Amino acid sequence: MKRSILTISQRDGMLAASVQQSEPPLPDDWDERIPFGYAASELPALTSDELVVKYGDRLAEGLCKHQAIAQVLQRAFGANSADMHTVGLTVRADQGRQIRWETLRDPQGRFVALDGRCHIGRTVRRLAGTPQPAREFVPPLRVLAFLSGAGLDATEEWDALSAAIFKARDKGLPVEADVCIGQDELRQQASAEAAARHPGVIRVSSVPASAADLEVEIRDARPHILHFFCHGKAAMGASFLELATATDHALGQPGSIGVSIDVLTTLTELRDVWLVVLNCCEGAQASPEIDSMAERMVESAGLAAAIGMLEPVAVGEASRFCAALYPEIFYALEDVLKMQPGMGTRFVNLAPAMSRPRRALRDLAPPLRPGARWTLPVLFQTEEPLQVFRGGATVAPPLLQPQPTPQPPPVAAPAVDVTFARVKAETIAGMLAGLPPDTPGAVRDGMLALLDEAPVVPAALRPDRFGHFRTGPTGGGGGD
């Protein structure tokens, strides 16, 4: 799958954009910021289907004032199901964070984020400058979910999540889950259902009694996917998740557990998480004072991806989204879940998993709230794609009798997967090119050293310390 990244910024109060990473050839001004010609406040209000159409066309018009971006979008929008293209946007303008970039339409008038040919996501530059190494995966895929918000009935959320996990198990995928539920009656019902359907696959328990206990739960579970169905709050310059205990539900009082996003991102165990899903009110809502929760978790915690909502969603919308999301997530991870030791490294791109859930929200009838609700789910990913390799190789048993050490025959150098090597080289080149000019040479050399890790990138395909290719660019947009 091809991947391009655009940077959205502001210049003199106007939105502007440039190409951060894409495939050559591109015009020489690919990395220059070209203004849209309007400010974010001039976009139409999303109060009707007709205005949603105008909104998406206006965005495409502004982006395409940049010749290189117009070329990137032409390629991406012209992709087919066998050659899909992901367009990521790194949004650096505060006014651009709440823009519904997912409404982009192709020249034929189709919303590309809905039809599955081109995937629209948002990329985040992590605070740490060193790229993430490939992550070891030893089955099963571990899911940890907290389902509890004051005044929210989590029954539909449980039904959606458990059905997806059971279906994955029926397909032979190694998926297990720990689900913490605040409502006593639902917890007992869920526990009985899990034991009857697939004993041991989903372990149901109560929501922890405090934020500290919840952090311990995350530490002990070490999940690959972390899911929250609760409330999201913002106050006094801070953002946090609000969960309700069984006592809170019984007394009908607000949730007593407040999990600070700032504290959550400091958990060491969160760095091993592949995806966080904030399926809650204000899960990804941004404002001039408070950045998106989902975006901040990717930026600060080192996890690979996070999903949130740009506006508060109704319980039915959250559950419909959950029901459509997890089958797509497990489908996107199927190759990883079926990997065997020694099969090399796999790139994981979760952007394709968003199309069907968005269509599910669009087709919700009757709609629970007016407006373009399908544009609310937002996926944030790191600039460098998630890479996973299968760990846990079987160790051969020792010989019963001491044996002389055999001399291995000469082994030919392994064949190089040129396509894979180019993708890896392009990723490192894009990151090097994006570093500030005064970045220490040791940092740049450390990033280049990643090309020596398996699978090794041949010298002929490598960029220099500034992300330039000596023998013609292999990626990153081309040009000096």
Protein backbone atom coordinates (compact mmCIF):
# COMPACT_ATOMS: atom_id res chain seq x y z
CA MET A 1 0.00 0.00 0.00
CA LYS A 2 1.32 3.45 -0.93
CA ARG A 3 1.42 6.25 1.62
CA SER A 4 1.75 10.01 1.24
CA ILE A 5 1.92 12.59 4.03
CA LEU A 6 0.89 16.23 3.70
CA THR A 7 1.70 18.93 6.23
CA ILE A 8 -1.04 21.44 7.06
CA SER A 9 0.14 24.73 8.56
CA GLN A 10 -0.86 28.38 8.74
CA ARG A 11 0.62 31.39 6.97
CA ASP A 12 -0.63 34.92 7.66
CA GLY A 13 -3.86 33.49 9.08
CA MET A 14 -4.47 31.35 5.99
CA LEU A 15 -4.25 27.58 5.77
CA ALA A 16 -1.23 26.33 3.85
CA ALA A 17 0.09 22.90 2.86
CA SER A 18 3.17 21.11 1.57
CA VAL A 19 4.20 17.55 0.75
CA GLN A 20 6.07 15.91 3.57
CA GLN A 21 6.48 12.46 2.05
CA SER A 22 5.38 10.80 -1.18
CA GLU A 23 6.66 8.91 -4.19
CA PRO A 24 8.65 10.68 -6.89
CA PRO A 25 8.56 12.24 -9.35
CA LEU A 26 7.09 15.46 -7.98
CA PRO A 27 7.60 19.14 -8.88
CA ASP A 28 10.63 20.80 -7.31
CA ASP A 29 8.49 22.88 -4.95
CA TRP A 30 6.99 19.78 -3.29
CA ASP A 31 8.15 20.84 0.20
CA GLU A 32 7.20 24.52 -0.09
CA ARG A 33 4.16 25.77 1.80
CA ILE A 34 1.46 26.97 -0.59
CA PRO A 35 -1.56 28.84 0.87
CA PHE A 36 -5.11 27.61 0.32
CA GLY A 37 -6.28 31.19 -0.18
CA TYR A 38 -8.67 31.07 2.77
CA ALA A 39 -8.76 30.56 6.54
CA ALA A 40 -10.33 27.60 8.33
CA SER A 41 -13.18 29.84 9.49
CA GLU A 42 -14.26 30.35 5.87
CA LEU A 43 -15.22 26.69 5.34
CA PRO A 44 -18.97 25.99 5.09
CA ALA A 45 -20.94 24.91 8.15
CA LEU A 46 -21.69 21.16 8.16
CA THR A 47 -25.42 21.53 8.65
CA SER A 48 -26.71 19.68 5.57
CA ASP A 49 -25.63 17.07 3.04
CA GLU A 50 -25.25 19.76 0.41
CA LEU A 51 -22.90 21.75 2.61
CA VAL A 52 -20.86 18.63 3.40
CA VAL A 53 -20.31 18.26 -0.35
CA LYS A 54 -19.26 21.91 -0.65
CA TYR A 55 -16.99 21.50 2.38
CA GLY A 56 -15.12 18.55 0.85
CA ASP A 57 -14.80 20.26 -2.54
CA ARG A 58 -13.52 23.44 -0.88
CA LEU A 59 -10.83 21.47 0.93
CA ALA A 60 -9.73 19.74 -2.27
CA GLU A 61 -9.68 23.09 -4.09
CA GLY A 62 -7.43 24.63 -1.44
CA LEU A 63 -5.05 21.67 -1.33
CA CYS A 64 -4.77 21.46 -5.10
CA LYS A 65 -3.46 25.02 -5.36
CA HIS A 66 -0.17 23.27 -4.58
CA GLN A 67 0.92 21.59 -7.83
CA ALA A 68 2.71 18.75 -6.04
CA ILE A 69 -0.28 18.06 -3.75
CA ALA A 70 -2.60 18.07 -6.75
CA GLN A 71 -0.37 15.39 -8.28
CA VAL A 72 -0.33 13.35 -5.06
CA LEU A 73 -4.13 13.50 -4.74
CA GLN A 74 -4.60 12.57 -8.38
CA ARG A 75 -2.58 9.41 -7.81
CA ALA A 76 -4.30 8.63 -4.52
CA PHE A 77 -7.83 9.23 -5.77
CA GLY A 78 -7.14 7.16 -8.86
CA ALA A 79 -6.06 4.12 -6.85
CA ASN A 80 -7.99 0.87 -7.09
CA SER A 81 -8.73 -1.79 -4.49
CA ALA A 82 -5.59 -3.72 -5.48
CA ASP A 83 -3.33 -0.67 -5.16
CA MET A 84 -4.79 1.40 -2.34
CA HIS A 85 -3.25 4.69 -1.25
CA THR A 86 -3.23 6.28 2.20
CA VAL A 87 -3.05 10.05 2.56
CA GLY A 88 -1.97 11.20 6.02
CA LEU A 89 -2.16 14.80 7.17
CA THR A 90 0.19 16.23 9.77
CA VAL A 91 -1.81 19.19 11.08
CA ARG A 92 0.28 21.95 12.62
CA ALA A 93 -2.30 24.72 12.47
CA ASP A 94 -4.52 24.96 15.55
CA GLN A 95 -7.47 25.95 13.38
CA GLY A 96 -6.85 22.91 11.20
CA ARG A 97 -7.29 20.32 13.94
CA GLN A 98 -11.08 20.36 13.87
CA ILE A 99 -11.32 20.50 10.07
CA ARG A 100 -13.07 17.44 8.64
CA TRP A 101 -10.31 16.42 6.25
CA GLU A 102 -12.15 13.12 5.88
CA THR A 103 -14.74 14.89 3.64
CA LEU A 104 -12.27 15.16 0.73
CA ARG A 105 -13.94 14.26 -2.57
CA ASP A 106 -12.41 13.04 -5.82
CA PRO A 107 -13.18 14.62 -9.23
CA GLN A 108 -16.07 12.15 -9.65
CA GLY A 109 -17.71 13.50 -6.50
CA ARG A 110 -17.02 10.51 -4.25
CA PHE A 111 -15.98 10.83 -0.61
CA VAL A 112 -12.72 8.88 -0.72
CA ALA A 113 -12.71 8.19 3.04
CA LEU A 114 -15.97 6.26 2.59
CA ASP A 115 -15.45 4.17 -0.53
CA GLY A 116 -12.24 2.41 0.57
CA ARG A 117 -10.01 3.21 -2.42
CA CYS A 118 -8.08 6.01 -0.75
CA HIS A 119 -7.73 6.23 3.01
CA ILE A 120 -7.55 9.51 4.89
CA GLY A 121 -5.80 9.58 8.24
CA ARG A 122 -3.78 11.96 10.38
CA THR A 123 -0.12 11.56 11.21
CA VAL A 124 1.71 12.72 14.30
CA ARG A 125 5.33 13.64 14.78
CA ARG A 126 6.37 12.06 18.04
CA LEU A 127 8.27 14.13 20.60
CA ALA A 128 11.08 11.55 20.71
CA GLY A 129 13.32 11.92 17.67
CA THR A 130 14.41 8.29 17.37
CA PRO A 131 12.12 6.14 15.20
CA GLN A 132 10.46 3.13 16.75
CA PRO A 133 12.09 -0.24 15.99
CA ALA A 134 10.05 -3.17 14.75
CA ARG A 135 7.91 -4.57 17.56
CA GLU A 136 7.99 -8.20 18.58
CA PHE A 137 4.67 -10.00 18.57
CA VAL A 138 4.12 -13.22 20.48
CA PRO A 139 0.49 -14.43 20.26
CA PRO A 140 -2.16 -13.90 21.39
CA LEU A 141 -3.20 -10.41 20.42
CA ARG A 142 -4.22 -8.90 23.75
CA VAL A 143 -7.18 -6.52 24.05
CA LEU A 144 -7.91 -4.59 27.25
CA ALA A 145 -11.24 -2.75 27.44
CA PHE A 146 -12.83 -0.53 30.07
CA LEU A 147 -16.59 -0.19 29.54
CA SER A 148 -18.09 2.21 32.05
CA GLY A 149 -19.35 5.77 31.98
CA ALA A 150 -21.80 7.32 34.40
CA GLY A 151 -25.26 7.25 32.87
CA LEU A 152 -24.10 5.12 29.92
CA ASP A 153 -25.42 1.63 29.30
CA ALA A 154 -22.48 -0.40 27.97
CA THR A 155 -24.60 -3.37 26.84
CA GLU A 156 -24.38 -2.57 23.12
CA GLU A 157 -20.67 -1.82 23.43
CA TRP A 158 -20.07 -5.20 25.09
CA ASP A 159 -22.16 -6.97 22.46
CA ALA A 160 -20.22 -5.30 19.63
CA LEU A 161 -16.75 -5.89 21.07
CA SER A 162 -17.36 -9.46 22.22
CA ALA A 163 -18.99 -10.45 18.92
CA ALA A 164 -15.93 -9.25 16.98
CA ILE A 165 -13.54 -11.12 19.27
CA PHE A 166 -15.56 -14.34 19.14
CA LYS A 167 -15.75 -14.10 15.34
CA ALA A 168 -11.99 -13.66 15.16
CA ARG A 169 -11.52 -16.76 17.30
CA ASP A 170 -13.93 -18.70 15.09
CA LYS A 171 -11.65 -17.80 12.17
CA GLY A 172 -8.66 -19.19 14.06
CA LEU A 173 -7.11 -15.83 14.96
CA PRO A 174 -5.28 -15.74 18.32
CA VAL A 175 -7.17 -12.92 20.05
CA GLU A 176 -7.85 -12.68 23.79
CA ALA A 177 -9.33 -9.92 25.91
CA ASP A 178 -9.75 -8.60 29.42
CA VAL A 179 -12.94 -6.54 29.73
CA CYS A 180 -13.65 -4.43 32.82
CA ILE A 181 -17.32 -3.46 33.19
CA GLY A 182 -18.78 -1.01 35.72
CA GLN A 183 -22.43 -2.13 35.69
CA ASP A 184 -22.82 -5.14 38.02
CA GLU A 185 -25.72 -6.73 36.16
CA LEU A 186 -24.03 -6.39 32.77
CA ARG A 187 -20.74 -7.69 34.18
CA GLN A 188 -22.42 -10.85 35.42
CA GLN A 189 -24.27 -11.32 32.14
CA ALA A 190 -21.09 -10.76 30.11
CA SER A 191 -19.10 -13.18 32.26
CA ALA A 192 -21.68 -15.92 31.67
CA GLU A 193 -21.78 -15.25 27.92
CA ALA A 194 -17.98 -15.33 27.63
CA ALA A 195 -17.74 -18.61 29.54
CA ALA A 196 -20.44 -20.23 27.41
CA ARG A 197 -19.15 -19.07 24.01
CA HIS A 198 -15.35 -19.35 24.24
CA PRO A 199 -14.11 -20.24 27.73
CA GLY A 200 -10.96 -18.34 28.64
CA VAL A 201 -10.97 -16.07 25.58
CA ILE A 202 -12.59 -13.06 27.27
CA ARG A 203 -12.01 -12.53 30.99
CA VAL A 204 -14.64 -10.23 32.50
CA SER A 205 -14.08 -8.28 35.71
CA SER A 206 -15.16 -5.10 37.51
CA VAL A 207 -13.80 -1.67 36.72
CA PRO A 208 -10.85 -0.92 39.05
CA ALA A 209 -11.65 1.15 42.12
CA SER A 210 -9.20 3.98 41.37
CA ALA A 211 -7.07 5.54 38.66
CA ALA A 212 -3.98 3.98 40.24
CA ASP A 213 -5.57 0.52 40.11
CA LEU A 214 -6.52 1.11 36.46
CA GLU A 215 -2.91 1.92 35.65
CA VAL A 216 -1.87 -1.34 37.33
CA GLU A 217 -4.44 -3.18 35.20
CA ILE A 218 -2.84 -1.75 32.05
CA ARG A 219 0.64 -2.62 33.30
CA ASP A 220 -0.30 -6.22 34.07
CA ALA A 221 -2.30 -6.84 30.88
CA ARG A 222 0.31 -5.25 28.54
CA PRO A 223 -2.32 -4.95 25.80
CA HIS A 224 -1.77 -4.51 22.09
CA ILE A 225 -5.17 -2.77 21.84
CA LEU A 226 -6.53 -0.56 24.63
CA HIS A 227 -10.22 0.39 24.42
CA PHE A 228 -12.18 2.94 26.47
CA PHE A 229 -15.96 3.38 26.47
CA CYS A 230 -16.54 6.18 28.97
CA HIS A 231 -16.70 9.95 29.22
CA GLY A 232 -13.96 12.32 28.13
CA LYS A 233 -13.54 15.59 30.02
CA ALA A 234 -11.54 18.77 29.69
CA ALA A 235 -11.10 21.28 32.49
CA MET A 236 -8.49 23.70 33.82
CA GLY A 237 -6.19 23.10 30.88
CA ALA A 238 -6.14 19.32 31.37
CA SER A 239 -7.97 16.45 29.71
CA PHE A 240 -8.91 13.14 31.27
CA LEU A 241 -11.09 10.06 30.95
CA GLU A 242 -13.91 9.68 33.47
CA LEU A 243 -15.00 6.15 34.39
CA ALA A 244 -17.67 4.99 36.80
CA THR A 245 -17.27 2.23 39.38
CA ALA A 246 -20.06 -0.19 40.33
CA THR A 247 -20.83 2.04 43.32
CA ASP A 248 -21.11 5.09 41.06
CA HIS A 249 -23.60 3.25 38.86
CA ALA A 250 -25.60 2.01 41.84
CA LEU A 251 -25.86 5.49 43.38
CA GLY A 252 -26.43 7.27 40.08
CA GLN A 253 -23.51 9.59 40.69
CA PRO A 254 -20.78 10.92 38.33
CA GLY A 255 -17.82 8.72 37.62
CA SER A 256 -15.30 8.82 40.45
CA ILE A 257 -12.27 7.68 38.43
CA GLY A 258 -10.47 10.43 36.54
CA VAL A 259 -7.58 9.21 34.41
CA SER A 260 -5.39 12.09 33.29
CA ILE A 261 -4.22 11.83 29.70
CA ASP A 262 -0.92 13.43 30.73
CA VAL A 263 -0.40 10.74 33.38
CA LEU A 264 -1.57 7.96 31.11
CA THR A 265 0.99 8.87 28.46
CA THR A 266 3.80 8.45 30.99
CA LEU A 267 3.06 4.75 31.52
CA THR A 268 5.98 2.74 30.18
CA GLU A 269 3.66 -0.10 29.22
CA LEU A 270 1.73 2.19 26.86
CA ARG A 271 4.74 2.23 24.55
CA ASP A 272 3.99 -1.36 23.59
CA VAL A 273 0.38 -0.57 22.64
CA TRP A 274 -0.43 -0.66 18.93
CA LEU A 275 -3.80 1.06 19.11
CA VAL A 276 -5.85 3.02 21.65
CA VAL A 277 -9.57 3.49 20.93
CA LEU A 278 -11.26 6.37 22.77
CA ASN A 279 -14.88 5.54 22.03
CA CYS A 280 -16.25 8.19 24.33
CA CYS A 281 -17.61 11.71 24.59
CA GLU A 282 -14.95 14.20 23.49
CA GLY A 283 -12.52 11.33 22.91
CA ALA A 284 -10.53 13.30 20.34
CA GLN A 285 -12.03 16.73 20.70
CA ALA A 286 -9.49 19.50 20.27
CA SER A 287 -9.66 23.16 21.20
CA PRO A 288 -7.21 26.09 21.12
CA GLU A 289 -6.26 25.27 24.73
CA ILE A 290 -6.40 21.48 24.73
CA ASP A 291 -4.94 19.25 22.07
CA SER A 292 -6.73 16.12 20.93
CA MET A 293 -6.55 13.31 23.46
CA ALA A 294 -5.91 10.73 20.75
CA GLU A 295 -3.29 12.87 19.05
CA ARG A 296 -1.47 13.57 22.29
CA MET A 297 -1.34 9.89 23.17
CA VAL A 298 0.40 9.07 19.89
CA GLU A 299 2.71 12.06 20.19
CA SER A 300 3.73 11.61 23.81
CA ALA A 301 3.26 7.95 24.69
CA GLY A 302 5.04 6.35 21.75
CA LEU A 303 2.12 4.12 20.80
CA ALA A 304 1.52 3.44 17.11
CA ALA A 305 -2.04 4.71 16.62
CA ALA A 306 -5.10 6.09 18.38
CA ILE A 307 -8.73 6.64 17.38
CA GLY A 308 -11.04 9.23 18.87
CA MET A 309 -14.07 11.37 18.01
CA LEU A 310 -14.05 15.03 16.99
CA GLU A 311 -17.35 15.69 18.79
CA PRO A 312 -19.36 13.97 21.51
CA VAL A 313 -21.18 10.91 20.18
CA ALA A 314 -24.37 9.19 21.29
CA VAL A 315 -24.16 5.74 22.88
CA GLY A 316 -25.78 4.17 19.81
CA GLU A 317 -23.26 5.84 17.52
CA ALA A 318 -20.34 4.68 19.65
CA SER A 319 -21.60 1.09 19.67
CA ARG A 320 -22.33 1.06 15.93
CA PHE A 321 -18.82 2.35 15.31
CA CYS A 322 -17.34 -0.30 17.63
CA ALA A 323 -19.31 -3.09 15.93
CA ALA A 324 -17.93 -2.11 12.52
CA LEU A 325 -14.42 -1.19 13.65
CA TYR A 326 -13.10 -4.32 15.32
CA PRO A 327 -13.82 -6.79 12.51
CA GLU A 328 -11.87 -4.42 10.26
CA ILE A 329 -9.02 -4.09 12.76
CA PHE A 330 -8.69 -7.86 13.08
CA TYR A 331 -8.85 -8.19 9.29
CA ALA A 332 -6.06 -5.60 8.89
CA LEU A 333 -3.96 -7.54 11.43
CA GLU A 334 -4.71 -10.98 10.02
CA ASP A 335 -1.34 -11.37 8.27
CA VAL A 336 0.44 -10.38 11.49
CA LEU A 337 -1.64 -12.72 13.63
CA LYS A 338 -0.85 -15.64 11.32
CA MET A 339 2.89 -14.94 11.10
CA GLN A 340 5.39 -17.64 12.06
CA PRO A 341 8.86 -17.03 13.54
CA GLY A 342 11.40 -16.19 10.88
CA MET A 343 8.89 -14.77 8.39
CA GLY A 344 10.40 -11.28 8.51
CA THR A 345 8.77 -7.97 9.34
CA ARG A 346 5.29 -6.76 8.41
CA PHE A 347 4.11 -3.18 8.04
CA VAL A 348 0.77 -2.47 9.71
CA ASN A 349 -1.48 0.28 8.36
CA LEU A 350 -4.78 0.65 10.23
CA ALA A 351 -6.18 3.45 8.04
CA PRO A 352 -8.12 0.99 5.81
CA ALA A 353 -10.03 -0.18 8.89
CA MET A 354 -11.85 3.18 9.11
CA SER A 355 -13.89 3.11 5.89
CA ARG A 356 -16.58 0.59 6.89
CA PRO A 357 -17.12 2.08 10.37
CA ARG A 358 -17.63 5.49 8.77
CA ARG A 359 -20.17 4.00 6.36
CA ALA A 360 -21.92 2.35 9.32
CA LEU A 361 -22.37 5.79 10.93
CA ARG A 362 -23.50 7.31 7.65
CA ASP A 363 -26.14 4.57 7.18
CA LEU A 364 -27.45 4.68 10.75
CA ALA A 365 -31.23 4.97 10.38
CA PRO A 366 -32.80 6.87 11.82
CA PRO A 367 -29.77 9.08 12.57
CA LEU A 368 -29.33 9.67 16.27
CA ARG A 369 -28.08 13.21 15.72
CA PRO A 370 -28.10 15.51 12.68
CA GLY A 371 -25.00 16.29 10.66
CA ALA A 372 -22.17 14.45 8.97
CA ARG A 373 -21.59 12.04 11.86
CA TRP A 374 -19.43 9.73 9.72
CA THR A 375 -16.71 12.39 9.67
CA LEU A 376 -16.24 12.29 13.45
CA PRO A 377 -14.03 9.18 13.85
CA VAL A 378 -10.39 10.23 13.50
CA LEU A 379 -7.33 8.00 13.25
CA PHE A 380 -3.92 9.29 14.31
CA GLN A 381 -0.78 7.32 13.41
CA THR A 382 2.94 7.91 13.72
CA GLU A 383 4.83 9.06 10.64
CA GLU A 384 6.82 5.85 10.53
CA PRO A 385 4.53 2.86 9.90
CA LEU A 386 4.14 0.26 12.62
CA GLN A 387 6.45 -2.70 11.95
CA VAL A 388 5.89 -6.07 13.59
CA PHE A 389 7.83 -9.32 13.56
CA ARG A 390 6.87 -12.67 15.03
CA GLY A 391 8.76 -13.56 18.18
CA GLY A 392 8.77 -16.69 20.29
CA ALA A 393 10.74 -18.95 17.96
CA THR A 394 10.87 -22.57 19.06
CA VAL A 395 14.25 -23.59 20.52
CA ALA A 396 15.54 -26.99 19.36
CA PRO A 397 16.04 -29.49 22.22
CA PRO A 398 19.67 -30.20 23.21
CA LEU A 399 21.38 -33.30 21.84
CA LEU A 400 21.55 -36.25 24.21
CA GLN A 401 25.16 -37.05 23.22
CA PRO A 402 27.90 -34.45 22.83
CA GLN A 403 28.48 -33.94 19.12
CA PRO A 404 31.24 -32.15 17.25
CA THR A 405 30.20 -28.77 15.99
CA PRO A 406 29.48 -29.12 12.27
CA GLN A 407 31.02 -26.59 9.93
CA PRO A 408 28.22 -24.85 8.04
CA PRO A 409 28.53 -24.71 4.27
CA PRO A 410 28.98 -21.28 2.70
CA VAL A 411 25.69 -19.44 2.72
CA ALA A 412 24.78 -17.06 -0.04
CA ALA A 413 23.69 -13.60 0.96
CA PRO A 414 19.92 -13.50 1.39
CA ALA A 415 17.95 -12.08 -1.47
CA VAL A 416 16.88 -8.49 -0.92
CA ASP A 417 13.23 -7.59 -1.25
CA VAL A 418 13.83 -4.38 -3.21
CA THR A 419 10.30 -3.07 -2.75
CA PHE A 420 10.46 -3.57 1.02
CA ALA A 421 13.97 -2.04 1.15
CA ARG A 422 12.80 1.01 -0.77
CA VAL A 423 9.85 1.52 1.59
CA LYS A 424 12.14 1.29 4.60
CA ALA A 425 14.66 3.69 3.00
CA GLU A 426 11.87 6.13 2.09
CA THR A 427 10.57 6.11 5.66
CA ILE A 428 13.97 6.93 7.17
CA ALA A 429 14.65 9.51 4.44
CA GLY A 430 11.40 11.31 5.15
CA MET A 431 12.17 11.44 8.84
CA LEU A 432 15.71 12.74 8.25
CA ALA A 433 14.47 15.41 5.86
CA GLY A 434 11.94 16.57 8.45
CA LEU A 435 14.52 17.12 11.22
CA PRO A 436 15.58 20.69 12.11
CA PRO A 437 18.84 21.81 10.41
CA ASP A 438 20.65 21.95 13.76
CA THR A 439 19.88 18.33 14.67
CA PRO A 440 23.09 16.71 16.03
CA GLY A 441 24.87 14.38 13.63
CA ALA A 442 24.74 11.59 16.20
CA VAL A 443 20.94 11.64 16.06
CA ARG A 444 20.96 11.44 12.26
CA ASP A 445 23.53 8.63 12.33
CA GLY A 446 21.38 6.75 14.83
CA MET A 447 18.43 6.91 12.46
CA LEU A 448 20.58 5.73 9.54
CA ALA A 449 21.78 2.81 11.67
CA LEU A 450 18.24 1.43 11.53
CA LEU A 451 18.94 0.56 7.88
CA ASP A 452 21.51 -1.98 9.12
CA GLU A 453 18.85 -3.87 11.05
CA ALA A 454 17.11 -6.80 9.42
CA PRO A 455 15.99 -6.57 6.73
CA VAL A 456 19.18 -4.70 5.78
CA VAL A 457 18.82 -1.98 3.14
CA PRO A 458 21.58 -2.13 0.45
CA ALA A 459 23.96 0.83 0.32
CA ALA A 460 22.75 1.78 -3.17
CA LEU A 461 19.25 2.44 -1.85
CA ARG A 462 20.22 4.47 1.24
CA PRO A 463 19.77 8.23 1.78
CA ASP A 464 22.43 10.48 3.25
CA ARG A 465 22.25 12.13 6.68
CA PHE A 466 19.80 14.74 5.38
CA GLY A 467 17.38 12.35 3.69
CA HIS A 468 18.76 12.86 0.16
CA PHE A 469 19.44 10.00 -2.23
CA ARG A 470 22.74 10.11 -4.06
CA THR A 471 21.73 8.00 -7.06
CA GLY A 472 18.21 9.37 -7.56
CA PRO A 473 15.50 9.44 -4.95
CA THR A 474 13.67 6.31 -3.89
CA GLY A 475 11.07 8.20 -1.89
CA GLY A 476 10.36 11.09 0.43
CA GLY A 477 9.15 13.36 -2.33
CA GLY A 478 12.41 13.72 -4.26
CA GLY A 479 14.51 16.81 -4.69
CA ASP A 480 16.94 18.59 -2.39
